[in-house]
Amino acid sequence: MMRNLVNGAVGGALATAVYSAMLMAADRAGLLEEPPPRRFARVALPGRGSRPRPGESVLSTIAHYAFGSSCGTVLGLLSAGQRVPVPIGTAYGLLVWHFGCRGLAPAIGAYPPLPKDRPGRQATLLAGHLLWGTALVLALNRLRAERAQLTTELAPRLREEVRRPVIPAPEPVSVR
C-alpha cells in the first residue's frame, strides 16, 4: 500500500510537470489570461489585487505540484499496484478537470462558472487535464511493483546467460 501511495505521488508530480509545460505553451500562445496555479495563489493570498505579490509564483508552483501529487496518490492507491489502462487515466484527468473547473475554481472565485468562462481557456484546460491523466497512468504503470518483482525473478537467469560463452568452445581434436 505504501509503495502504491509513493508511486501515485511520484506519478502525479511527473504528470504535473507535463501539464505545466503545456500550460506554459498555452500561456505564451495567449490561450490563458493567467495560468490557473497562479490565479489560485492570487486568490488564496491575503490582500487581493491585480499586481503580483512576493512569493506568489513559488506558492503557485508548490500548490500545483502538491495538488497533482495528491490526485496521483488517489489513483495510485485505487490501482493497488495493478496495471492501469490508459483510457482510465484519461477519464481520471477529466474527473480532476471537472472537480477543479466546475467546482473548486468558481467556488473560490478564481474563475467564472463554466458557461460564463471563455471557451478557449476551458478547452485548453480540459486538454491539459486529459494529458495529465494519460501521463499519470503511464508513470504509474512504469513504477508499479510488479516490474520490480519481475526483475528480481529474472536476475538469476540473466546471470546464468551472461556466464555462458557466446561462442561455443571448439571440440578437442584427437591426434592420431
C-alpha atoms as a PDB file:
ATOM      1  CA  MET A   1       0.000   0.000   0.000  1.00  0.00           C
ATOM      2  CA  MET A   2       2.806   2.411   0.878  1.00  0.00           C
ATOM      3  CA  ARG A   3       4.525   1.685  -2.437  1.00  0.00           C
ATOM      4  CA  ASN A   4       1.277   2.469  -4.313  1.00  0.00           C
ATOM      5  CA  LEU A   5       0.954   5.712  -2.365  1.00  0.00           C
ATOM      6  CA  VAL A   6       4.512   6.772  -3.209  1.00  0.00           C
ATOM      7  CA  ASN A   7       4.172   5.685  -6.843  1.00  0.00           C
ATOM      8  CA  GLY A   8       0.968   7.700  -7.116  1.00  0.00           C
ATOM      9  CA  ALA A   9       2.614  10.793  -5.637  1.00  0.00           C
ATOM     10  CA  VAL A  10       5.649  10.478  -7.911  1.00  0.00           C
ATOM     11  CA  GLY A  11       3.442   9.751 -10.928  1.00  0.00           C
ATOM     12  CA  GLY A  12       1.260  12.742 -10.063  1.00  0.00           C
ATOM     13  CA  ALA A  13       4.295  15.024  -9.832  1.00  0.00           C
ATOM     14  CA  LEU A  14       5.643  13.770 -13.171  1.00  0.00           C
ATOM     15  CA  ALA A  15       2.247  14.220 -14.813  1.00  0.00           C
ATOM     16  CA  THR A  16       2.013  17.722 -13.316  1.00  0.00           C
ATOM     17  CA  ALA A  17       5.353  18.578 -14.917  1.00  0.00           C
ATOM     18  CA  VAL A  18       3.937  17.529 -18.307  1.00  0.00           C
ATOM     19  CA  TYR A  19       0.757  19.527 -17.669  1.00  0.00           C
ATOM     20  CA  SER A  20       2.772  22.558 -16.528  1.00  0.00           C
ATOM     21  CA  ALA A  21       4.769  22.500 -19.772  1.00  0.00           C
ATOM     22  CA  MET A  22       1.507  22.541 -21.691  1.00  0.00           C
ATOM     23  CA  LEU A  23       0.199  25.418 -19.562  1.00  0.00           C
ATOM     24  CA  MET A  24       3.364  27.413 -20.267  1.00  0.00           C
ATOM     25  CA  ALA A  25       2.941  26.869 -24.009  1.00  0.00           C
ATOM     26  CA  ALA A  26      -0.753  27.802 -23.843  1.00  0.00           C
ATOM     27  CA  ASP A  27       0.072  30.921 -21.834  1.00  0.00           C
ATOM     28  CA  ARG A  28       2.670  32.014 -24.384  1.00  0.00           C
ATOM     29  CA  ALA A  29       0.165  31.370 -27.178  1.00  0.00           C
ATOM     30  CA  GLY A  30      -2.301  33.690 -25.415  1.00  0.00           C
ATOM     31  CA  LEU A  31      -4.880  30.992 -24.677  1.00  0.00           C
ATOM     32  CA  LEU A  32      -4.867  31.752 -20.945  1.00  0.00           C
ATOM     33  CA  GLU A  33      -5.115  35.158 -19.321  1.00  0.00           C
ATOM     34  CA  GLU A  34      -3.212  33.765 -16.383  1.00  0.00           C
ATOM     35  CA  PRO A  35      -2.238  30.143 -15.647  1.00  0.00           C
ATOM     36  CA  PRO A  36      -4.614  28.530 -13.135  1.00  0.00           C
ATOM     37  CA  PRO A  37      -1.980  27.802 -10.451  1.00  0.00           C
ATOM     38  CA  ARG A  38      -1.010  31.484 -10.333  1.00  0.00           C
ATOM     39  CA  ARG A  39      -4.672  32.524 -10.297  1.00  0.00           C
ATOM     40  CA  PHE A  40      -5.404  30.179  -7.380  1.00  0.00           C
ATOM     41  CA  ALA A  41      -2.408  31.528  -5.448  1.00  0.00           C
ATOM     42  CA  ARG A  42      -3.510  35.119  -6.085  1.00  0.00           C
ATOM     43  CA  VAL A  43      -6.987  34.343  -4.726  1.00  0.00           C
ATOM     44  CA  ALA A  44      -5.577  32.465  -1.716  1.00  0.00           C
ATOM     45  CA  LEU A  45      -3.082  35.117  -0.654  1.00  0.00           C
ATOM     46  CA  PRO A  46      -4.414  37.936   1.541  1.00  0.00           C
ATOM     47  CA  GLY A  47      -4.942  41.388   0.052  1.00  0.00           C
ATOM     48  CA  ARG A  48      -6.417  40.746  -3.371  1.00  0.00           C
ATOM     49  CA  GLY A  49      -5.145  42.887  -6.159  1.00  0.00           C
ATOM     50  CA  SER A  50      -4.144  42.774  -9.778  1.00  0.00           C
ATOM     51  CA  ARG A  51      -0.417  43.170  -9.139  1.00  0.00           C
ATOM     52  CA  PRO A  52       1.745  40.123  -8.460  1.00  0.00           C
ATOM     53  CA  ARG A  53       2.789  39.757  -4.834  1.00  0.00           C
ATOM     54  CA  PRO A  54       6.044  38.432  -3.400  1.00  0.00           C
ATOM     55  CA  GLY A  55       6.069  34.644  -3.202  1.00  0.00           C
ATOM     56  CA  GLU A  56       3.075  34.217  -5.474  1.00  0.00           C
ATOM     57  CA  SER A  57       4.971  32.319  -8.146  1.00  0.00           C
ATOM     58  CA  VAL A  58       6.655  29.978  -5.660  1.00  0.00           C
ATOM     59  CA  LEU A  59       3.405  29.356  -3.796  1.00  0.00           C
ATOM     60  CA  SER A  60       1.534  28.615  -7.010  1.00  0.00           C
ATOM     61  CA  THR A  61       4.166  26.109  -8.147  1.00  0.00           C
ATOM     62  CA  ILE A  62       4.253  24.322  -4.792  1.00  0.00           C
ATOM     63  CA  ALA A  63       0.447  24.209  -4.590  1.00  0.00           C
ATOM     64  CA  HIS A  64       0.152  22.957  -8.167  1.00  0.00           C
ATOM     65  CA  TYR A  65       2.582  20.075  -7.609  1.00  0.00           C
ATOM     66  CA  ALA A  66       1.003  19.257  -4.244  1.00  0.00           C
ATOM     67  CA  PHE A  67      -2.449  19.056  -5.819  1.00  0.00           C
ATOM     68  CA  GLY A  68      -1.172  16.982  -8.774  1.00  0.00           C
ATOM     69  CA  SER A  69       0.682  14.608  -6.447  1.00  0.00           C
ATOM     70  CA  SER A  70      -2.353  14.280  -4.175  1.00  0.00           C
ATOM     71  CA  CYS A  71      -4.609  13.376  -7.077  1.00  0.00           C
ATOM     72  CA  GLY A  72      -1.958  10.955  -8.338  1.00  0.00           C
ATOM     73  CA  THR A  73      -1.804   9.354  -4.902  1.00  0.00           C
ATOM     74  CA  VAL A  74      -5.538   8.650  -5.007  1.00  0.00           C
ATOM     75  CA  LEU A  75      -5.245   6.812  -8.318  1.00  0.00           C
ATOM     76  CA  GLY A  76      -2.089   5.055  -7.115  1.00  0.00           C
ATOM     77  CA  LEU A  77      -3.963   3.709  -4.101  1.00  0.00           C
ATOM     78  CA  LEU A  78      -7.025   2.767  -6.157  1.00  0.00           C
ATOM     79  CA  SER A  79      -4.887   0.885  -8.675  1.00  0.00           C
ATOM     80  CA  ALA A  80      -3.459  -1.334  -5.901  1.00  0.00           C
ATOM     81  CA  GLY A  81      -0.242  -1.773  -7.865  1.00  0.00           C
ATOM     82  CA  GLN A  82      -2.019  -3.203 -10.904  1.00  0.00           C
ATOM     83  CA  ARG A  83      -1.530  -2.001 -14.462  1.00  0.00           C
ATOM     84  CA  VAL A  84      -3.997   0.813 -15.235  1.00  0.00           C
ATOM     85  CA  PRO A  85      -5.409   1.101 -18.783  1.00  0.00           C
ATOM     86  CA  VAL A  86      -4.614   4.437 -20.439  1.00  0.00           C
ATOM     87  CA  PRO A  87      -8.314   5.321 -21.005  1.00  0.00           C
ATOM     88  CA  ILE A  88      -8.859   5.098 -17.239  1.00  0.00           C
ATOM     89  CA  GLY A  89      -6.138   7.710 -16.739  1.00  0.00           C
ATOM     90  CA  THR A  90      -7.642   9.958 -19.383  1.00  0.00           C
ATOM     91  CA  ALA A  91     -11.048   9.649 -17.718  1.00  0.00           C
ATOM     92  CA  TYR A  92      -9.443  10.373 -14.351  1.00  0.00           C
ATOM     93  CA  GLY A  93      -7.919  13.538 -15.835  1.00  0.00           C
ATOM     94  CA  LEU A  94     -11.421  14.505 -16.985  1.00  0.00           C
ATOM     95  CA  LEU A  95     -12.713  13.943 -13.448  1.00  0.00           C
ATOM     96  CA  VAL A  96      -9.984  16.167 -11.968  1.00  0.00           C
ATOM     97  CA  TRP A  97     -10.754  18.870 -14.570  1.00  0.00           C
ATOM     98  CA  HIS A  98     -14.452  18.668 -13.689  1.00  0.00           C
ATOM     99  CA  PHE A  99     -13.715  18.963  -9.965  1.00  0.00           C
ATOM    100  CA  GLY A 100     -11.412  21.950 -10.480  1.00  0.00           C
ATOM    101  CA  CYS A 101     -13.115  23.905 -13.240  1.00  0.00           C
ATOM    102  CA  ARG A 102     -16.740  23.208 -12.402  1.00  0.00           C
ATOM    103  CA  GLY A 103     -16.405  23.050  -8.648  1.00  0.00           C
ATOM    104  CA  LEU A 104     -13.356  24.467  -6.931  1.00  0.00           C
ATOM    105  CA  ALA A 105     -12.394  27.384  -9.217  1.00  0.00           C
ATOM    106  CA  PRO A 106     -15.847  29.027  -9.305  1.00  0.00           C
ATOM    107  CA  ALA A 107     -16.405  28.304  -5.606  1.00  0.00           C
ATOM    108  CA  ILE A 108     -13.343  30.314  -4.525  1.00  0.00           C
ATOM    109  CA  GLY A 109     -13.789  32.983  -7.193  1.00  0.00           C
ATOM    110  CA  ALA A 110     -10.685  32.121  -9.223  1.00  0.00           C
ATOM    111  CA  TYR A 111     -12.616  31.680 -12.471  1.00  0.00           C
ATOM    112  CA  PRO A 112     -16.197  32.274 -13.533  1.00  0.00           C
ATOM    113  CA  PRO A 113     -18.582  29.304 -13.763  1.00  0.00           C
ATOM    114  CA  LEU A 114     -18.032  27.181 -16.875  1.00  0.00           C
ATOM    115  CA  PRO A 115     -20.852  28.642 -19.025  1.00  0.00           C
ATOM    116  CA  LYS A 116     -19.585  32.203 -18.402  1.00  0.00           C
ATOM    117  CA  ASP A 117     -15.885  31.451 -18.958  1.00  0.00           C
ATOM    118  CA  ARG A 118     -14.020  31.840 -22.228  1.00  0.00           C
ATOM    119  CA  PRO A 119     -14.367  28.638 -24.302  1.00  0.00           C
ATOM    120  CA  GLY A 120     -10.718  28.757 -25.416  1.00  0.00           C
ATOM    121  CA  ARG A 121      -9.432  28.681 -21.851  1.00  0.00           C
ATOM    122  CA  GLN A 122     -11.686  25.808 -20.854  1.00  0.00           C
ATOM    123  CA  ALA A 123     -10.738  23.786 -23.945  1.00  0.00           C
ATOM    124  CA  THR A 124      -7.067  24.310 -23.140  1.00  0.00           C
ATOM    125  CA  LEU A 125      -7.532  23.320 -19.504  1.00  0.00           C
ATOM    126  CA  LEU A 126      -9.565  20.265 -20.494  1.00  0.00           C
ATOM    127  CA  ALA A 127      -6.887  19.141 -22.972  1.00  0.00           C
ATOM    128  CA  GLY A 128      -4.236  19.690 -20.296  1.00  0.00           C
ATOM    129  CA  HIS A 129      -6.080  17.561 -17.758  1.00  0.00           C
ATOM    130  CA  LEU A 130      -6.606  14.764 -20.286  1.00  0.00           C
ATOM    131  CA  LEU A 131      -2.866  14.899 -20.949  1.00  0.00           C
ATOM    132  CA  TRP A 132      -2.193  14.910 -17.191  1.00  0.00           C
ATOM    133  CA  GLY A 133      -4.329  11.796 -16.635  1.00  0.00           C
ATOM    134  CA  THR A 134      -2.648   9.970 -19.501  1.00  0.00           C
ATOM    135  CA  ALA A 135       0.833  10.885 -18.250  1.00  0.00           C
ATOM    136  CA  LEU A 136      -0.154   9.810 -14.734  1.00  0.00           C
ATOM    137  CA  VAL A 137      -1.191   6.331 -15.874  1.00  0.00           C
ATOM    138  CA  LEU A 138       1.943   5.909 -17.969  1.00  0.00           C
ATOM    139  CA  ALA A 139       4.061   6.840 -14.940  1.00  0.00           C
ATOM    140  CA  LEU A 140       2.094   4.555 -12.598  1.00  0.00           C
ATOM    141  CA  ASN A 141       2.414   1.627 -14.979  1.00  0.00           C
ATOM    142  CA  ARG A 142       6.140   2.240 -15.278  1.00  0.00           C
ATOM    143  CA  LEU A 143       6.590   2.455 -11.487  1.00  0.00           C
ATOM    144  CA  ARG A 144       4.350  -0.435 -10.433  1.00  0.00           C
ATOM    145  CA  ALA A 145       5.698  -3.072  -8.053  1.00  0.00           C
ATOM    146  CA  GLU A 146       5.227  -5.965 -10.476  1.00  0.00           C
ATOM    147  CA  ARG A 147       8.150  -4.698 -12.560  1.00  0.00           C
ATOM    148  CA  ALA A 148      10.497  -4.819  -9.580  1.00  0.00           C
ATOM    149  CA  GLN A 149       9.422  -8.384  -8.701  1.00  0.00           C
ATOM    150  CA  LEU A 150       9.852  -9.483 -12.290  1.00  0.00           C
ATOM    151  CA  THR A 151      13.371  -8.058 -12.345  1.00  0.00           C
ATOM    152  CA  THR A 152      14.394  -9.950  -9.211  1.00  0.00           C
ATOM    153  CA  GLU A 153      12.961 -13.196 -10.631  1.00  0.00           C
ATOM    154  CA  LEU A 154      14.836 -12.770 -13.890  1.00  0.00           C
ATOM    155  CA  ALA A 155      18.147 -11.748 -12.348  1.00  0.00           C
ATOM    156  CA  PRO A 156      19.437 -15.294 -11.632  1.00  0.00           C
ATOM    157  CA  ARG A 157      18.587 -16.457 -15.164  1.00  0.00           C
ATOM    158  CA  LEU A 158      20.256 -13.409 -16.676  1.00  0.00           C
ATOM    159  CA  ARG A 159      23.429 -14.040 -14.678  1.00  0.00           C
ATOM    160  CA  GLU A 160      23.448 -17.614 -15.947  1.00  0.00           C
ATOM    161  CA  GLU A 161      23.057 -16.393 -19.532  1.00  0.00           C
ATOM    162  CA  VAL A 162      25.939 -13.958 -19.105  1.00  0.00           C
ATOM    163  CA  ARG A 163      28.215 -16.682 -17.759  1.00  0.00           C
ATOM    164  CA  ARG A 164      27.561 -18.917 -20.772  1.00  0.00           C
ATOM    165  CA  PRO A 165      30.092 -18.392 -23.517  1.00  0.00           C
ATOM    166  CA  VAL A 166      28.763 -16.684 -26.591  1.00  0.00           C
ATOM    167  CA  ILE A 167      30.951 -18.692 -28.960  1.00  0.00           C
ATOM    168  CA  PRO A 168      30.959 -22.380 -28.196  1.00  0.00           C
ATOM    169  CA  ALA A 169      34.338 -23.809 -27.352  1.00  0.00           C
ATOM    170  CA  PRO A 170      35.802 -25.930 -30.130  1.00  0.00           C
ATOM    171  CA  GLU A 171      35.701 -29.665 -29.547  1.00  0.00           C
ATOM    172  CA  PRO A 172      39.052 -31.243 -28.956  1.00  0.00           C
ATOM    173  CA  VAL A 173      40.625 -32.840 -31.997  1.00  0.00           C
ATOM    174  CA  SER A 174      42.178 -36.221 -31.487  1.00  0.00           C
ATOM    175  CA  VAL A 175      45.743 -36.561 -32.644  1.00  0.00           C
ATOM    176  CA  ARG A 176      46.401 -39.999 -34.094  1.00  0.00           C
END
